Amino acid sequence: GAVSGTFGWACVYPIDAVKTRVQAHPAHLPPLRTWECVRAMAREQPHGKAFTRGLGLTLVRAMPVNMVTFVVYEGVMDLRSK
């Protein structure tokens, strides 16, 4: 559970960073298109740092969260089968 959750977040995190930036865009400004946001993020911080900022902490958090989720799921499934 921990490894799969960590791998999942590592794959999805850049997309999530763009989504978060688009959602946080002020409503009084013209809408921010996805590719405009990607280009702006790439210009602001070179080498992809804008897409991975905060990833380390997210991966550390993902391990225990996914371990607990897996254990609880297995426990509930065991209780259902009895």
C-alpha atoms as a PDB file:
ATOM      1  CA  GLY A   1       0.000   0.000   0.000  1.00  0.00           C
ATOM      2  CA  ALA A   2       2.732   2.468   0.935  1.00  0.00           C
ATOM      3  CA  VAL A   3       4.810   1.914  -2.193  1.00  0.00           C
ATOM      4  CA  SER A   4       1.869   2.094  -4.581  1.00  0.00           C
ATOM      5  CA  GLY A   5       0.536   5.249  -2.943  1.00  0.00           C
ATOM      6  CA  THR A   6       3.936   6.895  -3.064  1.00  0.00           C
ATOM      7  CA  PHE A   7       4.406   5.924  -6.714  1.00  0.00           C
ATOM      8  CA  GLY A   8       0.932   7.193  -7.556  1.00  0.00           C
ATOM      9  CA  TRP A   9       1.579  10.595  -6.009  1.00  0.00           C
ATOM     10  CA  ALA A  10       4.981  10.854  -7.713  1.00  0.00           C
ATOM     11  CA  CYS A  11       3.285  10.328 -11.088  1.00  0.00           C
ATOM     12  CA  VAL A  12       0.312  12.623 -10.510  1.00  0.00           C
ATOM     13  CA  TYR A  13       1.987  15.440  -8.565  1.00  0.00           C
ATOM     14  CA  PRO A  14       3.000  17.642 -11.547  1.00  0.00           C
ATOM     15  CA  ILE A  15      -0.562  17.502 -12.883  1.00  0.00           C
ATOM     16  CA  ASP A  16      -1.894  18.309  -9.425  1.00  0.00           C
ATOM     17  CA  ALA A  17       0.466  21.293  -9.153  1.00  0.00           C
ATOM     18  CA  VAL A  18      -0.928  22.737 -12.400  1.00  0.00           C
ATOM     19  CA  LYS A  19      -4.526  22.062 -11.304  1.00  0.00           C
ATOM     20  CA  THR A  20      -3.911  23.811  -7.991  1.00  0.00           C
ATOM     21  CA  ARG A  21      -2.405  26.838  -9.723  1.00  0.00           C
ATOM     22  CA  VAL A  22      -5.340  27.077 -12.154  1.00  0.00           C
ATOM     23  CA  GLN A  23      -7.867  26.787  -9.299  1.00  0.00           C
ATOM     24  CA  ALA A  24      -6.062  29.438  -7.241  1.00  0.00           C
ATOM     25  CA  HIS A  25      -6.090  31.922 -10.130  1.00  0.00           C
ATOM     26  CA  PRO A  26      -8.029  35.048  -9.073  1.00  0.00           C
ATOM     27  CA  ALA A  27     -11.607  35.040 -10.341  1.00  0.00           C
ATOM     28  CA  HIS A  28     -11.523  38.702 -11.370  1.00  0.00           C
ATOM     29  CA  LEU A  29      -8.800  37.979 -13.966  1.00  0.00           C
ATOM     30  CA  PRO A  30      -9.419  36.272 -17.309  1.00  0.00           C
ATOM     31  CA  PRO A  31      -9.432  32.469 -16.990  1.00  0.00           C
ATOM     32  CA  LEU A  32      -6.033  30.799 -16.962  1.00  0.00           C
ATOM     33  CA  ARG A  33      -5.809  28.062 -19.561  1.00  0.00           C
ATOM     34  CA  THR A  34      -3.988  24.868 -18.644  1.00  0.00           C
ATOM     35  CA  TRP A  35      -1.176  25.160 -21.186  1.00  0.00           C
ATOM     36  CA  GLU A  36      -0.692  28.843 -20.349  1.00  0.00           C
ATOM     37  CA  CYS A  37      -0.266  27.804 -16.739  1.00  0.00           C
ATOM     38  CA  VAL A  38       2.223  25.053 -17.635  1.00  0.00           C
ATOM     39  CA  ARG A  39       4.327  27.487 -19.677  1.00  0.00           C
ATOM     40  CA  ALA A  40       4.224  30.125 -16.927  1.00  0.00           C
ATOM     41  CA  MET A  41       5.267  27.597 -14.292  1.00  0.00           C
ATOM     42  CA  ALA A  42       8.132  26.380 -16.490  1.00  0.00           C
ATOM     43  CA  ARG A  43       9.337  29.973 -17.022  1.00  0.00           C
ATOM     44  CA  GLU A  44       9.082  30.898 -13.332  1.00  0.00           C
ATOM     45  CA  GLN A  45      11.222  28.052 -12.035  1.00  0.00           C
ATOM     46  CA  PRO A  46      13.608  26.242 -14.352  1.00  0.00           C
ATOM     47  CA  HIS A  47      14.328  22.510 -14.288  1.00  0.00           C
ATOM     48  CA  GLY A  48      10.730  21.618 -13.362  1.00  0.00           C
ATOM     49  CA  LYS A  49      10.921  22.832  -9.763  1.00  0.00           C
ATOM     50  CA  ALA A  50       7.516  24.510 -10.035  1.00  0.00           C
ATOM     51  CA  PHE A  51       5.985  21.119 -10.794  1.00  0.00           C
ATOM     52  CA  THR A  52       7.674  19.265  -7.922  1.00  0.00           C
ATOM     53  CA  ARG A  53       7.774  21.828  -5.111  1.00  0.00           C
ATOM     54  CA  GLY A  54       6.354  20.094  -2.038  1.00  0.00           C
ATOM     55  CA  LEU A  55       6.615  16.609  -3.522  1.00  0.00           C
ATOM     56  CA  GLY A  56       8.984  15.340  -0.835  1.00  0.00           C
ATOM     57  CA  LEU A  57       6.603  16.090   1.997  1.00  0.00           C
ATOM     58  CA  THR A  58       3.695  14.661   0.016  1.00  0.00           C
ATOM     59  CA  LEU A  59       5.593  11.400  -0.502  1.00  0.00           C
ATOM     60  CA  VAL A  60       6.488  11.180   3.187  1.00  0.00           C
ATOM     61  CA  ARG A  61       2.817  11.738   4.060  1.00  0.00           C
ATOM     62  CA  ALA A  62       1.631   9.254   1.429  1.00  0.00           C
ATOM     63  CA  MET A  63       3.428   6.313   3.048  1.00  0.00           C
ATOM     64  CA  PRO A  64       1.602   6.188   6.393  1.00  0.00           C
ATOM     65  CA  VAL A  65      -1.710   7.316   4.875  1.00  0.00           C
ATOM     66  CA  ASN A  66      -1.713   4.531   2.311  1.00  0.00           C
ATOM     67  CA  MET A  67      -0.473   1.940   4.820  1.00  0.00           C
ATOM     68  CA  VAL A  68      -3.354   2.771   7.165  1.00  0.00           C
ATOM     69  CA  THR A  69      -5.858   2.828   4.308  1.00  0.00           C
ATOM     70  CA  PHE A  70      -4.724  -0.620   3.153  1.00  0.00           C
ATOM     71  CA  VAL A  71      -4.849  -2.087   6.683  1.00  0.00           C
ATOM     72  CA  VAL A  72      -8.332  -0.667   7.320  1.00  0.00           C
ATOM     73  CA  TYR A  73      -9.592  -1.915   3.954  1.00  0.00           C
ATOM     74  CA  GLU A  74      -8.266  -5.422   4.628  1.00  0.00           C
ATOM     75  CA  GLY A  75      -9.762  -5.355   8.138  1.00  0.00           C
ATOM     76  CA  VAL A  76     -13.189  -4.353   6.836  1.00  0.00           C
ATOM     77  CA  MET A  77     -13.048  -7.014   4.138  1.00  0.00           C
ATOM     78  CA  ASP A  78     -12.172  -9.643   6.772  1.00  0.00           C
ATOM     79  CA  LEU A  79     -15.086  -8.532   8.937  1.00  0.00           C
ATOM     80  CA  ARG A  80     -17.462  -8.704   5.967  1.00  0.00           C
ATOM     81  CA  SER A  81     -16.419 -12.233   5.082  1.00  0.00           C
ATOM     82  CA  LYS A  82     -17.104 -13.588   8.605  1.00  0.00           C
END
